[in-house]
PDBML (XML) file of the C-alpha atoms, coordinates in Angstrom:
<?xml version="1.0" encoding="UTF-8" ?>
<PDBx:datablock datablockName="MODEL"
   xmlns:PDBx="http://pdbml.pdb.org/schema/pdbx-v50.xsd"
   xmlns:xsi="http://www.w3.org/2001/XMLSchema-instance"
   xsi:schemaLocation="http://pdbml.pdb.org/schema/pdbx-v50.xsd pdbx-v50.xsd">
   <PDBx:atom_siteCategory>
      <PDBx:atom_site id="1">
         <PDBx:B_iso_or_equiv>0.00</PDBx:B_iso_or_equiv>
         <PDBx:Cartn_x>58.854</PDBx:Cartn_x>
         <PDBx:Cartn_y>101.337</PDBx:Cartn_y>
         <PDBx:Cartn_z>180.989</PDBx:Cartn_z>
         <PDBx:auth_asym_id>A</PDBx:auth_asym_id>
         <PDBx:auth_atom_id>CA</PDBx:auth_atom_id>
         <PDBx:auth_comp_id>UNK</PDBx:auth_comp_id>
         <PDBx:auth_seq_id>1</PDBx:auth_seq_id>
         <PDBx:group_PDB>ATOM</PDBx:group_PDB>
         <PDBx:label_alt_id xsi:nil="true" />
         <PDBx:label_asym_id>A</PDBx:label_asym_id>
         <PDBx:label_atom_id>CA</PDBx:label_atom_id>
         <PDBx:label_comp_id>UNK</PDBx:label_comp_id>
         <PDBx:label_entity_id>1</PDBx:label_entity_id>
         <PDBx:label_seq_id>1</PDBx:label_seq_id>
         <PDBx:occupancy>1.00</PDBx:occupancy>
         <PDBx:pdbx_PDB_model_num>1</PDBx:pdbx_PDB_model_num>
         <PDBx:type_symbol>C</PDBx:type_symbol>
      </PDBx:atom_site>
      <PDBx:atom_site id="2">
         <PDBx:B_iso_or_equiv>0.00</PDBx:B_iso_or_equiv>
         <PDBx:Cartn_x>56.349</PDBx:Cartn_x>
         <PDBx:Cartn_y>98.556</PDBx:Cartn_y>
         <PDBx:Cartn_z>181.618</PDBx:Cartn_z>
         <PDBx:auth_asym_id>A</PDBx:auth_asym_id>
         <PDBx:auth_atom_id>CA</PDBx:auth_atom_id>
         <PDBx:auth_comp_id>UNK</PDBx:auth_comp_id>
         <PDBx:auth_seq_id>2</PDBx:auth_seq_id>
         <PDBx:group_PDB>ATOM</PDBx:group_PDB>
         <PDBx:label_alt_id xsi:nil="true" />
         <PDBx:label_asym_id>A</PDBx:label_asym_id>
         <PDBx:label_atom_id>CA</PDBx:label_atom_id>
         <PDBx:label_comp_id>UNK</PDBx:label_comp_id>
         <PDBx:label_entity_id>1</PDBx:label_entity_id>
         <PDBx:label_seq_id>2</PDBx:label_seq_id>
         <PDBx:occupancy>1.00</PDBx:occupancy>
         <PDBx:pdbx_PDB_model_num>1</PDBx:pdbx_PDB_model_num>
         <PDBx:type_symbol>C</PDBx:type_symbol>
      </PDBx:atom_site>
      <PDBx:atom_site id="3">
         <PDBx:B_iso_or_equiv>0.00</PDBx:B_iso_or_equiv>
         <PDBx:Cartn_x>58.006</PDBx:Cartn_x>
         <PDBx:Cartn_y>97.709</PDBx:Cartn_y>
         <PDBx:Cartn_z>184.927</PDBx:Cartn_z>
         <PDBx:auth_asym_id>A</PDBx:auth_asym_id>
         <PDBx:auth_atom_id>CA</PDBx:auth_atom_id>
         <PDBx:auth_comp_id>UNK</PDBx:auth_comp_id>
         <PDBx:auth_seq_id>3</PDBx:auth_seq_id>
         <PDBx:group_PDB>ATOM</PDBx:group_PDB>
         <PDBx:label_alt_id xsi:nil="true" />
         <PDBx:label_asym_id>A</PDBx:label_asym_id>
         <PDBx:label_atom_id>CA</PDBx:label_atom_id>
         <PDBx:label_comp_id>UNK</PDBx:label_comp_id>
         <PDBx:label_entity_id>1</PDBx:label_entity_id>
         <PDBx:label_seq_id>3</PDBx:label_seq_id>
         <PDBx:occupancy>1.00</PDBx:occupancy>
         <PDBx:pdbx_PDB_model_num>1</PDBx:pdbx_PDB_model_num>
         <PDBx:type_symbol>C</PDBx:type_symbol>
      </PDBx:atom_site>
      <PDBx:atom_site id="4">
         <PDBx:B_iso_or_equiv>0.00</PDBx:B_iso_or_equiv>
         <PDBx:Cartn_x>57.917</PDBx:Cartn_x>
         <PDBx:Cartn_y>101.365</PDBx:Cartn_y>
         <PDBx:Cartn_z>186.034</PDBx:Cartn_z>
         <PDBx:auth_asym_id>A</PDBx:auth_asym_id>
         <PDBx:auth_atom_id>CA</PDBx:auth_atom_id>
         <PDBx:auth_comp_id>UNK</PDBx:auth_comp_id>
         <PDBx:auth_seq_id>4</PDBx:auth_seq_id>
         <PDBx:group_PDB>ATOM</PDBx:group_PDB>
         <PDBx:label_alt_id xsi:nil="true" />
         <PDBx:label_asym_id>A</PDBx:label_asym_id>
         <PDBx:label_atom_id>CA</PDBx:label_atom_id>
         <PDBx:label_comp_id>UNK</PDBx:label_comp_id>
         <PDBx:label_entity_id>1</PDBx:label_entity_id>
         <PDBx:label_seq_id>4</PDBx:label_seq_id>
         <PDBx:occupancy>1.00</PDBx:occupancy>
         <PDBx:pdbx_PDB_model_num>1</PDBx:pdbx_PDB_model_num>
         <PDBx:type_symbol>C</PDBx:type_symbol>
      </PDBx:atom_site>
      <PDBx:atom_site id="5">
         <PDBx:B_iso_or_equiv>0.00</PDBx:B_iso_or_equiv>
         <PDBx:Cartn_x>54.206</PDBx:Cartn_x>
         <PDBx:Cartn_y>101.571</PDBx:Cartn_y>
         <PDBx:Cartn_z>185.170</PDBx:Cartn_z>
         <PDBx:auth_asym_id>A</PDBx:auth_asym_id>
         <PDBx:auth_atom_id>CA</PDBx:auth_atom_id>
         <PDBx:auth_comp_id>UNK</PDBx:auth_comp_id>
         <PDBx:auth_seq_id>5</PDBx:auth_seq_id>
         <PDBx:group_PDB>ATOM</PDBx:group_PDB>
         <PDBx:label_alt_id xsi:nil="true" />
         <PDBx:label_asym_id>A</PDBx:label_asym_id>
         <PDBx:label_atom_id>CA</PDBx:label_atom_id>
         <PDBx:label_comp_id>UNK</PDBx:label_comp_id>
         <PDBx:label_entity_id>1</PDBx:label_entity_id>
         <PDBx:label_seq_id>5</PDBx:label_seq_id>
         <PDBx:occupancy>1.00</PDBx:occupancy>
         <PDBx:pdbx_PDB_model_num>1</PDBx:pdbx_PDB_model_num>
         <PDBx:type_symbol>C</PDBx:type_symbol>
      </PDBx:atom_site>
      <PDBx:atom_site id="6">
         <PDBx:B_iso_or_equiv>0.00</PDBx:B_iso_or_equiv>
         <PDBx:Cartn_x>53.522</PDBx:Cartn_x>
         <PDBx:Cartn_y>98.302</PDBx:Cartn_y>
         <PDBx:Cartn_z>187.003</PDBx:Cartn_z>
         <PDBx:auth_asym_id>A</PDBx:auth_asym_id>
         <PDBx:auth_atom_id>CA</PDBx:auth_atom_id>
         <PDBx:auth_comp_id>UNK</PDBx:auth_comp_id>
         <PDBx:auth_seq_id>6</PDBx:auth_seq_id>
         <PDBx:group_PDB>ATOM</PDBx:group_PDB>
         <PDBx:label_alt_id xsi:nil="true" />
         <PDBx:label_asym_id>A</PDBx:label_asym_id>
         <PDBx:label_atom_id>CA</PDBx:label_atom_id>
         <PDBx:label_comp_id>UNK</PDBx:label_comp_id>
         <PDBx:label_entity_id>1</PDBx:label_entity_id>
         <PDBx:label_seq_id>6</PDBx:label_seq_id>
         <PDBx:occupancy>1.00</PDBx:occupancy>
         <PDBx:pdbx_PDB_model_num>1</PDBx:pdbx_PDB_model_num>
         <PDBx:type_symbol>C</PDBx:type_symbol>
      </PDBx:atom_site>
      <PDBx:atom_site id="7">
         <PDBx:B_iso_or_equiv>0.00</PDBx:B_iso_or_equiv>
         <PDBx:Cartn_x>55.196</PDBx:Cartn_x>
         <PDBx:Cartn_y>99.646</PDBx:Cartn_y>
         <PDBx:Cartn_z>190.150</PDBx:Cartn_z>
         <PDBx:auth_asym_id>A</PDBx:auth_asym_id>
         <PDBx:auth_atom_id>CA</PDBx:auth_atom_id>
         <PDBx:auth_comp_id>UNK</PDBx:auth_comp_id>
         <PDBx:auth_seq_id>7</PDBx:auth_seq_id>
         <PDBx:group_PDB>ATOM</PDBx:group_PDB>
         <PDBx:label_alt_id xsi:nil="true" />
         <PDBx:label_asym_id>A</PDBx:label_asym_id>
         <PDBx:label_atom_id>CA</PDBx:label_atom_id>
         <PDBx:label_comp_id>UNK</PDBx:label_comp_id>
         <PDBx:label_entity_id>1</PDBx:label_entity_id>
         <PDBx:label_seq_id>7</PDBx:label_seq_id>
         <PDBx:occupancy>1.00</PDBx:occupancy>
         <PDBx:pdbx_PDB_model_num>1</PDBx:pdbx_PDB_model_num>
         <PDBx:type_symbol>C</PDBx:type_symbol>
      </PDBx:atom_site>
      <PDBx:atom_site id="8">
         <PDBx:B_iso_or_equiv>0.00</PDBx:B_iso_or_equiv>
         <PDBx:Cartn_x>53.029</PDBx:Cartn_x>
         <PDBx:Cartn_y>102.749</PDBx:Cartn_y>
         <PDBx:Cartn_z>189.907</PDBx:Cartn_z>
         <PDBx:auth_asym_id>A</PDBx:auth_asym_id>
         <PDBx:auth_atom_id>CA</PDBx:auth_atom_id>
         <PDBx:auth_comp_id>UNK</PDBx:auth_comp_id>
         <PDBx:auth_seq_id>8</PDBx:auth_seq_id>
         <PDBx:group_PDB>ATOM</PDBx:group_PDB>
         <PDBx:label_alt_id xsi:nil="true" />
         <PDBx:label_asym_id>A</PDBx:label_asym_id>
         <PDBx:label_atom_id>CA</PDBx:label_atom_id>
         <PDBx:label_comp_id>UNK</PDBx:label_comp_id>
         <PDBx:label_entity_id>1</PDBx:label_entity_id>
         <PDBx:label_seq_id>8</PDBx:label_seq_id>
         <PDBx:occupancy>1.00</PDBx:occupancy>
         <PDBx:pdbx_PDB_model_num>1</PDBx:pdbx_PDB_model_num>
         <PDBx:type_symbol>C</PDBx:type_symbol>
      </PDBx:atom_site>
      <PDBx:atom_site id="9">
         <PDBx:B_iso_or_equiv>0.00</PDBx:B_iso_or_equiv>
         <PDBx:Cartn_x>49.920</PDBx:Cartn_x>
         <PDBx:Cartn_y>100.567</PDBx:Cartn_y>
         <PDBx:Cartn_z>189.612</PDBx:Cartn_z>
         <PDBx:auth_asym_id>A</PDBx:auth_asym_id>
         <PDBx:auth_atom_id>CA</PDBx:auth_atom_id>
         <PDBx:auth_comp_id>UNK</PDBx:auth_comp_id>
         <PDBx:auth_seq_id>9</PDBx:auth_seq_id>
         <PDBx:group_PDB>ATOM</PDBx:group_PDB>
         <PDBx:label_alt_id xsi:nil="true" />
         <PDBx:label_asym_id>A</PDBx:label_asym_id>
         <PDBx:label_atom_id>CA</PDBx:label_atom_id>
         <PDBx:label_comp_id>UNK</PDBx:label_comp_id>
         <PDBx:label_entity_id>1</PDBx:label_entity_id>
         <PDBx:label_seq_id>9</PDBx:label_seq_id>
         <PDBx:occupancy>1.00</PDBx:occupancy>
         <PDBx:pdbx_PDB_model_num>1</PDBx:pdbx_PDB_model_num>
         <PDBx:type_symbol>C</PDBx:type_symbol>
      </PDBx:atom_site>
      <PDBx:atom_site id="10">
         <PDBx:B_iso_or_equiv>0.00</PDBx:B_iso_or_equiv>
         <PDBx:Cartn_x>50.920</PDBx:Cartn_x>
         <PDBx:Cartn_y>98.708</PDBx:Cartn_y>
         <PDBx:Cartn_z>192.770</PDBx:Cartn_z>
         <PDBx:auth_asym_id>A</PDBx:auth_asym_id>
         <PDBx:auth_atom_id>CA</PDBx:auth_atom_id>
         <PDBx:auth_comp_id>UNK</PDBx:auth_comp_id>
         <PDBx:auth_seq_id>10</PDBx:auth_seq_id>
         <PDBx:group_PDB>ATOM</PDBx:group_PDB>
         <PDBx:label_alt_id xsi:nil="true" />
         <PDBx:label_asym_id>A</PDBx:label_asym_id>
         <PDBx:label_atom_id>CA</PDBx:label_atom_id>
         <PDBx:label_comp_id>UNK</PDBx:label_comp_id>
         <PDBx:label_entity_id>1</PDBx:label_entity_id>
         <PDBx:label_seq_id>10</PDBx:label_seq_id>
         <PDBx:occupancy>1.00</PDBx:occupancy>
         <PDBx:pdbx_PDB_model_num>1</PDBx:pdbx_PDB_model_num>
         <PDBx:type_symbol>C</PDBx:type_symbol>
      </PDBx:atom_site>
      <PDBx:atom_site id="11">
         <PDBx:B_iso_or_equiv>0.00</PDBx:B_iso_or_equiv>
         <PDBx:Cartn_x>50.402</PDBx:Cartn_x>
         <PDBx:Cartn_y>102.008</PDBx:Cartn_y>
         <PDBx:Cartn_z>194.595</PDBx:Cartn_z>
         <PDBx:auth_asym_id>A</PDBx:auth_asym_id>
         <PDBx:auth_atom_id>CA</PDBx:auth_atom_id>
         <PDBx:auth_comp_id>UNK</PDBx:auth_comp_id>
         <PDBx:auth_seq_id>11</PDBx:auth_seq_id>
         <PDBx:group_PDB>ATOM</PDBx:group_PDB>
         <PDBx:label_alt_id xsi:nil="true" />
         <PDBx:label_asym_id>A</PDBx:label_asym_id>
         <PDBx:label_atom_id>CA</PDBx:label_atom_id>
         <PDBx:label_comp_id>UNK</PDBx:label_comp_id>
         <PDBx:label_entity_id>1</PDBx:label_entity_id>
         <PDBx:label_seq_id>11</PDBx:label_seq_id>
         <PDBx:occupancy>1.00</PDBx:occupancy>
         <PDBx:pdbx_PDB_model_num>1</PDBx:pdbx_PDB_model_num>
         <PDBx:type_symbol>C</PDBx:type_symbol>
      </PDBx:atom_site>
      <PDBx:atom_site id="12">
         <PDBx:B_iso_or_equiv>0.00</PDBx:B_iso_or_equiv>
         <PDBx:Cartn_x>47.564</PDBx:Cartn_x>
         <PDBx:Cartn_y>103.719</PDBx:Cartn_y>
         <PDBx:Cartn_z>192.725</PDBx:Cartn_z>
         <PDBx:auth_asym_id>A</PDBx:auth_asym_id>
         <PDBx:auth_atom_id>CA</PDBx:auth_atom_id>
         <PDBx:auth_comp_id>UNK</PDBx:auth_comp_id>
         <PDBx:auth_seq_id>12</PDBx:auth_seq_id>
         <PDBx:group_PDB>ATOM</PDBx:group_PDB>
         <PDBx:label_alt_id xsi:nil="true" />
         <PDBx:label_asym_id>A</PDBx:label_asym_id>
         <PDBx:label_atom_id>CA</PDBx:label_atom_id>
         <PDBx:label_comp_id>UNK</PDBx:label_comp_id>
         <PDBx:label_entity_id>1</PDBx:label_entity_id>
         <PDBx:label_seq_id>12</PDBx:label_seq_id>
         <PDBx:occupancy>1.00</PDBx:occupancy>
         <PDBx:pdbx_PDB_model_num>1</PDBx:pdbx_PDB_model_num>
         <PDBx:type_symbol>C</PDBx:type_symbol>
      </PDBx:atom_site>
      <PDBx:atom_site id="13">
         <PDBx:B_iso_or_equiv>0.00</PDBx:B_iso_or_equiv>
         <PDBx:Cartn_x>45.755</PDBx:Cartn_x>
         <PDBx:Cartn_y>100.824</PDBx:Cartn_y>
         <PDBx:Cartn_z>191.059</PDBx:Cartn_z>
         <PDBx:auth_asym_id>A</PDBx:auth_asym_id>
         <PDBx:auth_atom_id>CA</PDBx:auth_atom_id>
         <PDBx:auth_comp_id>UNK</PDBx:auth_comp_id>
         <PDBx:auth_seq_id>13</PDBx:auth_seq_id>
         <PDBx:group_PDB>ATOM</PDBx:group_PDB>
         <PDBx:label_alt_id xsi:nil="true" />
         <PDBx:label_asym_id>A</PDBx:label_asym_id>
         <PDBx:label_atom_id>CA</PDBx:label_atom_id>
         <PDBx:label_comp_id>UNK</PDBx:label_comp_id>
         <PDBx:label_entity_id>1</PDBx:label_entity_id>
         <PDBx:label_seq_id>13</PDBx:label_seq_id>
         <PDBx:occupancy>1.00</PDBx:occupancy>
         <PDBx:pdbx_PDB_model_num>1</PDBx:pdbx_PDB_model_num>
         <PDBx:type_symbol>C</PDBx:type_symbol>
      </PDBx:atom_site>
      <PDBx:atom_site id="14">
         <PDBx:B_iso_or_equiv>0.00</PDBx:B_iso_or_equiv>
         <PDBx:Cartn_x>44.818</PDBx:Cartn_x>
         <PDBx:Cartn_y>100.689</PDBx:Cartn_y>
         <PDBx:Cartn_z>187.357</PDBx:Cartn_z>
         <PDBx:auth_asym_id>A</PDBx:auth_asym_id>
         <PDBx:auth_atom_id>CA</PDBx:auth_atom_id>
         <PDBx:auth_comp_id>UNK</PDBx:auth_comp_id>
         <PDBx:auth_seq_id>14</PDBx:auth_seq_id>
         <PDBx:group_PDB>ATOM</PDBx:group_PDB>
         <PDBx:label_alt_id xsi:nil="true" />
         <PDBx:label_asym_id>A</PDBx:label_asym_id>
         <PDBx:label_atom_id>CA</PDBx:label_atom_id>
         <PDBx:label_comp_id>UNK</PDBx:label_comp_id>
         <PDBx:label_entity_id>1</PDBx:label_entity_id>
         <PDBx:label_seq_id>14</PDBx:label_seq_id>
         <PDBx:occupancy>1.00</PDBx:occupancy>
         <PDBx:pdbx_PDB_model_num>1</PDBx:pdbx_PDB_model_num>
         <PDBx:type_symbol>C</PDBx:type_symbol>
      </PDBx:atom_site>
      <PDBx:atom_site id="15">
         <PDBx:B_iso_or_equiv>0.00</PDBx:B_iso_or_equiv>
         <PDBx:Cartn_x>42.715</PDBx:Cartn_x>
         <PDBx:Cartn_y>103.838</PDBx:Cartn_y>
         <PDBx:Cartn_z>187.655</PDBx:Cartn_z>
         <PDBx:auth_asym_id>A</PDBx:auth_asym_id>
         <PDBx:auth_atom_id>CA</PDBx:auth_atom_id>
         <PDBx:auth_comp_id>UNK</PDBx:auth_comp_id>
         <PDBx:auth_seq_id>15</PDBx:auth_seq_id>
         <PDBx:group_PDB>ATOM</PDBx:group_PDB>
         <PDBx:label_alt_id xsi:nil="true" />
         <PDBx:label_asym_id>A</PDBx:label_asym_id>
         <PDBx:label_atom_id>CA</PDBx:label_atom_id>
         <PDBx:label_comp_id>UNK</PDBx:label_comp_id>
         <PDBx:label_entity_id>1</PDBx:label_entity_id>
         <PDBx:label_seq_id>15</PDBx:label_seq_id>
         <PDBx:occupancy>1.00</PDBx:occupancy>
         <PDBx:pdbx_PDB_model_num>1</PDBx:pdbx_PDB_model_num>
         <PDBx:type_symbol>C</PDBx:type_symbol>
      </PDBx:atom_site>
      <PDBx:atom_site id="16">
         <PDBx:B_iso_or_equiv>0.00</PDBx:B_iso_or_equiv>
         <PDBx:Cartn_x>45.723</PDBx:Cartn_x>
         <PDBx:Cartn_y>105.830</PDBx:Cartn_y>
         <PDBx:Cartn_z>188.788</PDBx:Cartn_z>
         <PDBx:auth_asym_id>A</PDBx:auth_asym_id>
         <PDBx:auth_atom_id>CA</PDBx:auth_atom_id>
         <PDBx:auth_comp_id>UNK</PDBx:auth_comp_id>
         <PDBx:auth_seq_id>16</PDBx:auth_seq_id>
         <PDBx:group_PDB>ATOM</PDBx:group_PDB>
         <PDBx:label_alt_id xsi:nil="true" />
         <PDBx:label_asym_id>A</PDBx:label_asym_id>
         <PDBx:label_atom_id>CA</PDBx:label_atom_id>
         <PDBx:label_comp_id>UNK</PDBx:label_comp_id>
         <PDBx:label_entity_id>1</PDBx:label_entity_id>
         <PDBx:label_seq_id>16</PDBx:label_seq_id>
         <PDBx:occupancy>1.00</PDBx:occupancy>
         <PDBx:pdbx_PDB_model_num>1</PDBx:pdbx_PDB_model_num>
         <PDBx:type_symbol>C</PDBx:type_symbol>
      </PDBx:atom_site>
      <PDBx:atom_site id="17">
         <PDBx:B_iso_or_equiv>0.00</PDBx:B_iso_or_equiv>
         <PDBx:Cartn_x>47.476</PDBx:Cartn_x>
         <PDBx:Cartn_y>105.654</PDBx:Cartn_y>
         <PDBx:Cartn_z>185.402</PDBx:Cartn_z>
         <PDBx:auth_asym_id>A</PDBx:auth_asym_id>
         <PDBx:auth_atom_id>CA</PDBx:auth_atom_id>
         <PDBx:auth_comp_id>UNK</PDBx:auth_comp_id>
         <PDBx:auth_seq_id>17</PDBx:auth_seq_id>
         <PDBx:group_PDB>ATOM</PDBx:group_PDB>
         <PDBx:label_alt_id xsi:nil="true" />
         <PDBx:label_asym_id>A</PDBx:label_asym_id>
         <PDBx:label_atom_id>CA</PDBx:label_atom_id>
         <PDBx:label_comp_id>UNK</PDBx:label_comp_id>
         <PDBx:label_entity_id>1</PDBx:label_entity_id>
         <PDBx:label_seq_id>17</PDBx:label_seq_id>
         <PDBx:occupancy>1.00</PDBx:occupancy>
         <PDBx:pdbx_PDB_model_num>1</PDBx:pdbx_PDB_model_num>
         <PDBx:type_symbol>C</PDBx:type_symbol>
      </PDBx:atom_site>
      <PDBx:atom_site id="18">
         <PDBx:B_iso_or_equiv>0.00</PDBx:B_iso_or_equiv>
         <PDBx:Cartn_x>46.485</PDBx:Cartn_x>
         <PDBx:Cartn_y>106.854</PDBx:Cartn_y>
         <PDBx:Cartn_z>181.958</PDBx:Cartn_z>
         <PDBx:auth_asym_id>A</PDBx:auth_asym_id>
         <PDBx:auth_atom_id>CA</PDBx:auth_atom_id>
         <PDBx:auth_comp_id>UNK</PDBx:auth_comp_id>
         <PDBx:auth_seq_id>18</PDBx:auth_seq_id>
         <PDBx:group_PDB>ATOM</PDBx:group_PDB>
         <PDBx:label_alt_id xsi:nil="true" />
         <PDBx:label_asym_id>A</PDBx:label_asym_id>
         <PDBx:label_atom_id>CA</PDBx:label_atom_id>
         <PDBx:label_comp_id>UNK</PDBx:label_comp_id>
         <PDBx:label_entity_id>1</PDBx:label_entity_id>
         <PDBx:label_seq_id>18</PDBx:label_seq_id>
         <PDBx:occupancy>1.00</PDBx:occupancy>
         <PDBx:pdbx_PDB_model_num>1</PDBx:pdbx_PDB_model_num>
         <PDBx:type_symbol>C</PDBx:type_symbol>
      </PDBx:atom_site>
      <PDBx:atom_site id="19">
         <PDBx:B_iso_or_equiv>0.00</PDBx:B_iso_or_equiv>
         <PDBx:Cartn_x>45.018</PDBx:Cartn_x>
         <PDBx:Cartn_y>104.526</PDBx:Cartn_y>
         <PDBx:Cartn_z>179.332</PDBx:Cartn_z>
         <PDBx:auth_asym_id>A</PDBx:auth_asym_id>
         <PDBx:auth_atom_id>CA</PDBx:auth_atom_id>
         <PDBx:auth_comp_id>UNK</PDBx:auth_comp_id>
         <PDBx:auth_seq_id>19</PDBx:auth_seq_id>
         <PDBx:group_PDB>ATOM</PDBx:group_PDB>
         <PDBx:label_alt_id xsi:nil="true" />
         <PDBx:label_asym_id>A</PDBx:label_asym_id>
         <PDBx:label_atom_id>CA</PDBx:label_atom_id>
         <PDBx:label_comp_id>UNK</PDBx:label_comp_id>
         <PDBx:label_entity_id>1</PDBx:label_entity_id>
         <PDBx:label_seq_id>19</PDBx:label_seq_id>
         <PDBx:occupancy>1.00</PDBx:occupancy>
         <PDBx:pdbx_PDB_model_num>1</PDBx:pdbx_PDB_model_num>
         <PDBx:type_symbol>C</PDBx:type_symbol>
      </PDBx:atom_site>
      <PDBx:atom_site id="20">
         <PDBx:B_iso_or_equiv>0.00</PDBx:B_iso_or_equiv>
         <PDBx:Cartn_x>48.131</PDBx:Cartn_x>
         <PDBx:Cartn_y>105.120</PDBx:Cartn_y>
         <PDBx:Cartn_z>177.210</PDBx:Cartn_z>
         <PDBx:auth_asym_id>A</PDBx:auth_asym_id>
         <PDBx:auth_atom_id>CA</PDBx:auth_atom_id>
         <PDBx:auth_comp_id>UNK</PDBx:auth_comp_id>
         <PDBx:auth_seq_id>20</PDBx:auth_seq_id>
         <PDBx:group_PDB>ATOM</PDBx:group_PDB>
         <PDBx:label_alt_id xsi:nil="true" />
         <PDBx:label_asym_id>A</PDBx:label_asym_id>
         <PDBx:label_atom_id>CA</PDBx:label_atom_id>
         <PDBx:label_comp_id>UNK</PDBx:label_comp_id>
         <PDBx:label_entity_id>1</PDBx:label_entity_id>
         <PDBx:label_seq_id>20</PDBx:label_seq_id>
         <PDBx:occupancy>1.00</PDBx:occupancy>
         <PDBx:pdbx_PDB_model_num>1</PDBx:pdbx_PDB_model_num>
         <PDBx:type_symbol>C</PDBx:type_symbol>
      </PDBx:atom_site>
      <PDBx:atom_site id="21">
         <PDBx:B_iso_or_equiv>0.00</PDBx:B_iso_or_equiv>
         <PDBx:Cartn_x>50.388</PDBx:Cartn_x>
         <PDBx:Cartn_y>103.914</PDBx:Cartn_y>
         <PDBx:Cartn_z>180.046</PDBx:Cartn_z>
         <PDBx:auth_asym_id>A</PDBx:auth_asym_id>
         <PDBx:auth_atom_id>CA</PDBx:auth_atom_id>
         <PDBx:auth_comp_id>UNK</PDBx:auth_comp_id>
         <PDBx:auth_seq_id>21</PDBx:auth_seq_id>
         <PDBx:group_PDB>ATOM</PDBx:group_PDB>
         <PDBx:label_alt_id xsi:nil="true" />
         <PDBx:label_asym_id>A</PDBx:label_asym_id>
         <PDBx:label_atom_id>CA</PDBx:label_atom_id>
         <PDBx:label_comp_id>UNK</PDBx:label_comp_id>
         <PDBx:label_entity_id>1</PDBx:label_entity_id>
         <PDBx:label_seq_id>21</PDBx:label_seq_id>
         <PDBx:occupancy>1.00</PDBx:occupancy>
         <PDBx:pdbx_PDB_model_num>1</PDBx:pdbx_PDB_model_num>
         <PDBx:type_symbol>C</PDBx:type_symbol>
      </PDBx:atom_site>
      <PDBx:atom_site id="22">
         <PDBx:B_iso_or_equiv>0.00</PDBx:B_iso_or_equiv>
         <PDBx:Cartn_x>48.108</PDBx:Cartn_x>
         <PDBx:Cartn_y>100.938</PDBx:Cartn_y>
         <PDBx:Cartn_z>180.611</PDBx:Cartn_z>
         <PDBx:auth_asym_id>A</PDBx:auth_asym_id>
         <PDBx:auth_atom_id>CA</PDBx:auth_atom_id>
         <PDBx:auth_comp_id>UNK</PDBx:auth_comp_id>
         <PDBx:auth_seq_id>22</PDBx:auth_seq_id>
         <PDBx:group_PDB>ATOM</PDBx:group_PDB>
         <PDBx:label_alt_id xsi:nil="true" />
         <PDBx:label_asym_id>A</PDBx:label_asym_id>
         <PDBx:label_atom_id>CA</PDBx:label_atom_id>
         <PDBx:label_comp_id>UNK</PDBx:label_comp_id>
         <PDBx:label_entity_id>1</PDBx:label_entity_id>
         <PDBx:label_seq_id>22</PDBx:label_seq_id>
         <PDBx:occupancy>1.00</PDBx:occupancy>
         <PDBx:pdbx_PDB_model_num>1</PDBx:pdbx_PDB_model_num>
         <PDBx:type_symbol>C</PDBx:type_symbol>
      </PDBx:atom_site>
      <PDBx:atom_site id="23">
         <PDBx:B_iso_or_equiv>0.00</PDBx:B_iso_or_equiv>
         <PDBx:Cartn_x>48.481</PDBx:Cartn_x>
         <PDBx:Cartn_y>99.908</PDBx:Cartn_y>
         <PDBx:Cartn_z>176.951</PDBx:Cartn_z>
         <PDBx:auth_asym_id>A</PDBx:auth_asym_id>
         <PDBx:auth_atom_id>CA</PDBx:auth_atom_id>
         <PDBx:auth_comp_id>UNK</PDBx:auth_comp_id>
         <PDBx:auth_seq_id>23</PDBx:auth_seq_id>
         <PDBx:group_PDB>ATOM</PDBx:group_PDB>
         <PDBx:label_alt_id xsi:nil="true" />
         <PDBx:label_asym_id>A</PDBx:label_asym_id>
         <PDBx:label_atom_id>CA</PDBx:label_atom_id>
         <PDBx:label_comp_id>UNK</PDBx:label_comp_id>
         <PDBx:label_entity_id>1</PDBx:label_entity_id>
         <PDBx:label_seq_id>23</PDBx:label_seq_id>
         <PDBx:occupancy>1.00</PDBx:occupancy>
         <PDBx:pdbx_PDB_model_num>1</PDBx:pdbx_PDB_model_num>
         <PDBx:type_symbol>C</PDBx:type_symbol>
      </PDBx:atom_site>
      <PDBx:atom_site id="24">
         <PDBx:B_iso_or_equiv>0.00</PDBx:B_iso_or_equiv>
         <PDBx:Cartn_x>52.274</PDBx:Cartn_x>
         <PDBx:Cartn_y>100.292</PDBx:Cartn_y>
         <PDBx:Cartn_z>177.222</PDBx:Cartn_z>
         <PDBx:auth_asym_id>A</PDBx:auth_asym_id>
         <PDBx:auth_atom_id>CA</PDBx:auth_atom_id>
         <PDBx:auth_comp_id>UNK</PDBx:auth_comp_id>
         <PDBx:auth_seq_id>24</PDBx:auth_seq_id>
         <PDBx:group_PDB>ATOM</PDBx:group_PDB>
         <PDBx:label_alt_id xsi:nil="true" />
         <PDBx:label_asym_id>A</PDBx:label_asym_id>
         <PDBx:label_atom_id>CA</PDBx:label_atom_id>
         <PDBx:label_comp_id>UNK</PDBx:label_comp_id>
         <PDBx:label_entity_id>1</PDBx:label_entity_id>
         <PDBx:label_seq_id>24</PDBx:label_seq_id>
         <PDBx:occupancy>1.00</PDBx:occupancy>
         <PDBx:pdbx_PDB_model_num>1</PDBx:pdbx_PDB_model_num>
         <PDBx:type_symbol>C</PDBx:type_symbol>
      </PDBx:atom_site>
   </PDBx:atom_siteCategory>
</PDBx:datablock>
């Protein structure tokens, strides 16, 4: 899950994900 969120952040940046996903 962390790797999937990290790949999403590579596209959208930290602001593009929820705080809950950031903590995960």
